[in-house]
Protein backbone atom coordinates (compact mmCIF):
# COMPACT_ATOMS: atom_id res chain seq x y z
CA MET A 1 151.91 -1.39 138.65
CA GLY A 2 149.65 -4.33 137.95
CA HIS A 3 146.49 -4.82 139.96
CA HIS A 4 145.87 -8.33 141.24
CA SER A 5 142.35 -9.38 142.06
CA ASN A 6 141.43 -11.94 144.66
CA VAL A 7 138.28 -12.76 142.71
CA PRO A 8 138.59 -16.26 141.27
CA ALA A 9 138.03 -16.78 137.56
CA PRO A 10 134.65 -18.30 136.73
CA ALA A 11 134.74 -22.08 136.74
CA LEU A 12 134.15 -24.02 133.57
CA LEU A 13 130.54 -25.09 133.14
CA ARG A 14 129.94 -28.42 131.47
CA THR A 15 127.66 -31.42 131.53
CA GLU A 16 128.44 -35.08 132.07
CA PRO A 17 126.18 -38.09 131.73
CA VAL A 18 124.90 -39.15 135.13
CA GLY A 19 126.66 -42.13 136.64
CA THR A 20 127.36 -43.29 140.15
CA ARG A 21 129.93 -40.50 140.54
CA HIS A 22 127.30 -37.72 140.46
CA ARG A 23 124.15 -39.43 141.70
CA ALA A 24 124.51 -38.55 145.42
CA ALA A 25 125.20 -34.88 144.63
CA LEU A 26 122.22 -34.77 142.26
CA LEU A 27 119.94 -36.15 144.96
CA ARG A 28 120.94 -33.21 147.20
CA LEU A 29 119.81 -30.62 144.62
CA ARG A 30 116.89 -28.42 145.65
CA VAL A 31 114.91 -25.73 143.90
CA GLN A 32 113.15 -22.68 145.28
CA PRO A 33 109.84 -23.52 147.01
CA GLU A 34 107.81 -21.83 144.25
CA GLN A 35 109.53 -24.04 141.63
CA ARG A 36 108.83 -27.42 143.30
CA ALA A 37 105.46 -27.90 141.64
CA TYR A 38 107.06 -27.52 138.21
CA VAL A 39 110.24 -29.51 138.74
CA GLY A 40 109.39 -32.42 141.02
CA ALA A 41 111.88 -34.48 142.98
CA VAL A 42 115.29 -35.15 141.44
CA ALA A 43 115.08 -38.80 142.59
CA ASP A 44 111.92 -39.20 140.47
CA LEU A 45 113.55 -37.45 137.49
CA LEU A 46 116.54 -39.80 137.65
CA ALA A 47 114.41 -42.94 138.07
CA ASP A 48 112.20 -41.97 135.14
CA ALA A 49 115.23 -41.30 132.92
CA ASP A 50 116.78 -44.61 133.95
CA ALA A 51 113.61 -46.37 132.75
CA CYS A 52 113.61 -44.63 129.36
CA PRO A 53 116.32 -45.85 126.96
CA ALA A 54 116.05 -42.75 124.75
CA SER A 55 116.70 -40.42 127.72
CA THR A 56 120.02 -39.13 128.94
CA SER A 57 120.37 -37.56 132.37
CA LEU A 58 123.15 -35.00 132.62
CA ALA A 59 124.82 -33.51 135.66
CA ILE A 60 125.51 -29.79 135.23
CA LEU A 61 128.90 -29.02 136.71
CA ASN A 62 130.54 -25.74 137.70
CA GLY A 63 134.14 -26.84 137.94
CA GLU A 64 133.79 -30.12 139.82
CA GLU A 65 130.66 -29.13 141.75
CA VAL A 66 127.27 -30.49 140.65
CA ILE A 67 124.95 -27.47 140.45
CA GLY A 68 122.13 -28.79 138.30
CA HIS A 69 120.50 -31.48 136.24
CA ALA A 70 119.21 -31.78 132.68
CA ARG A 71 117.40 -34.62 130.94
CA ILE A 72 117.59 -34.95 127.18
CA GLU A 73 115.31 -37.00 124.95
CA ALA A 74 116.82 -38.30 121.72
CA ASN A 75 113.67 -37.21 119.85
CA ALA A 76 111.54 -34.18 120.68
CA ARG A 77 108.39 -36.14 119.83
CA SER A 78 108.37 -37.57 123.36
CA VAL A 79 108.23 -34.02 124.75
CA ALA A 80 105.99 -32.40 122.15
CA GLY A 81 103.64 -35.23 121.18
CA TYR A 82 104.29 -34.56 117.51
CA GLU A 83 107.23 -34.65 115.13
CA PRO A 84 108.76 -31.15 114.80
CA ALA A 85 109.39 -29.86 111.27
CA GLN A 86 113.15 -30.11 111.84
CA PRO A 87 114.92 -33.01 113.59
CA SER A 88 115.07 -32.00 117.25
CA VAL A 89 115.99 -33.32 120.66
CA GLY A 90 113.78 -32.77 123.68
CA LEU A 91 114.75 -31.01 126.88
CA ARG A 92 112.64 -32.89 129.44
CA ALA A 93 114.15 -31.33 132.57
CA PHE A 94 116.51 -28.48 133.43
CA LEU A 95 117.20 -27.22 136.92
CA ILE A 96 119.82 -25.32 138.85
CA ASP A 97 120.16 -25.84 142.59
CA ALA A 98 118.58 -23.07 144.68
CA ARG A 99 121.95 -22.21 146.24
CA HIS A 100 123.30 -21.37 142.79
CA GLN A 101 120.34 -19.45 141.40
CA GLY A 102 120.49 -15.70 140.88
CA GLN A 103 124.15 -15.74 139.79
CA GLY A 104 123.68 -16.12 136.04
CA LEU A 105 124.61 -19.80 136.18
CA GLY A 106 121.29 -20.95 134.72
CA THR A 107 121.82 -18.75 131.67
CA ARG A 108 125.41 -19.92 131.27
CA ALA A 109 124.52 -23.58 131.89
CA LEU A 110 121.73 -23.50 129.31
CA ALA A 111 124.06 -21.95 126.70
CA THR A 112 126.66 -24.61 127.49
CA LEU A 113 124.06 -27.36 127.24
CA LEU A 114 122.87 -26.11 123.84
CA ASP A 115 126.44 -26.03 122.52
CA GLU A 116 127.06 -29.56 123.81
CA LEU A 117 123.78 -30.86 122.36
CA ALA A 118 124.82 -29.63 118.91
CA VAL A 119 127.96 -31.77 119.19
CA ARG A 120 126.36 -34.82 120.88
CA HIS A 121 123.36 -34.89 118.52
CA PRO A 122 124.68 -33.84 115.10
CA HIS A 123 121.44 -34.98 113.42
CA ALA A 124 119.40 -32.50 115.45
CA ARG A 125 118.71 -28.98 114.21
CA GLY A 126 116.82 -27.83 117.27
CA VAL A 127 115.65 -28.48 120.81
CA MET A 128 112.09 -28.50 122.09
CA LEU A 129 110.76 -28.28 125.63
CA ALA A 130 107.47 -27.96 127.46
CA VAL A 131 107.13 -25.43 130.27
CA ASP A 132 104.20 -24.43 132.43
CA ALA A 133 103.08 -20.86 131.77
CA GLY A 134 103.07 -20.25 135.52
CA ASN A 135 106.79 -21.01 135.74
CA THR A 136 107.71 -17.43 134.92
CA ALA A 137 111.39 -17.77 135.89
CA ALA A 138 111.86 -20.70 133.50
CA LEU A 139 109.91 -18.99 130.71
CA ALA A 140 112.06 -15.88 131.04
CA LEU A 141 115.27 -17.96 130.98
CA TYR A 142 114.21 -19.89 127.88
CA ARG A 143 113.05 -16.79 126.04
CA ARG A 144 116.35 -15.00 126.81
CA ALA A 145 118.10 -18.07 125.38
CA GLY A 146 116.24 -17.68 122.08
CA PHE A 147 113.37 -20.15 122.51
CA SER A 148 110.07 -19.21 120.92
CA GLU A 149 106.62 -20.69 121.21
CA ALA A 150 106.06 -23.61 118.88
CA ARG A 151 102.57 -24.55 120.02
CA ARG A 152 100.24 -24.21 122.99
CA GLY A 153 99.13 -27.41 124.61
CA TYR A 154 100.89 -30.62 125.48
CA HIS A 155 100.89 -33.85 123.45
CA GLY A 156 98.16 -32.44 121.27
CA ALA A 157 95.84 -31.77 124.21
CA PRO A 158 94.62 -28.23 124.88
CA PHE A 159 96.42 -27.63 128.17
CA PRO A 160 96.46 -23.83 128.14
CA SER A 161 99.01 -23.71 130.92
CA GLN A 162 101.65 -25.57 128.88
CA ARG A 163 103.93 -23.89 126.36
CA LEU A 164 105.97 -25.82 123.83
CA LEU A 165 109.11 -23.87 123.03
CA TRP A 166 111.68 -24.51 120.29
CA ARG A 167 114.96 -23.03 119.22
CA ALA A 168 117.63 -23.92 116.73
CA LEU A 169 120.77 -25.52 118.06
CA PRO A 170 123.98 -23.58 117.47
CA GLU A 171 126.22 -24.70 114.65
CA ALA A 172 128.48 -27.41 116.02
CA SER A 173 132.13 -26.60 115.64
CA ASP A 174 134.38 -29.44 114.59
CA PRO A 175 137.07 -29.80 117.28
CA CYS A 176 139.36 -31.44 114.74
CA THR A 177 139.66 -28.38 112.51
CA THR A 178 141.09 -24.96 113.11
CA THR A 179 140.41 -21.74 111.29
CA ASN A 180 144.08 -21.00 110.70
CA ALA A 181 145.03 -24.38 109.31
CA THR A 182 146.85 -24.25 106.00
CA SER A 183 147.54 -26.92 103.48
CA SER A 184 150.28 -27.17 100.96
CA THR A 185 150.17 -29.03 97.70
């Protein structure tokens, strides 16, 4: 006899550029009290991204529910203060709502974001971010995701509390090809 589970299948995680559809839900996002000093207010993150033409704000969705926010810079120089050795995008902000933390969604959302960045930014070979050394939860997440320290400091200044992390983007798969396609001549 088959066993049927009442546990729903995990929803599909994805990102979408922020538009009017997601803005109200993004403004309701909150982080844990100990993370507030590192993240800031979502309203400020969105306003800053709106003012920067090379920035893209992304809603992180679990199914149809907004659970987080990410901000991508077209060039990592704006995050790092220098040009990385390989063409890279910058991850300016990444957060998961406090109600959704502790469930592995941050890890899954970051992996999804990296896969999507490889497709959306085919010129980029990597992604760079700056994180405060005191933000131990974020540092642990990024290190588990394969980020390594590129340089201490921020924009060339010796801010010992800042860590610049980099990792290669995954190889982008071409959605128009399949591995079992055959050709005949």
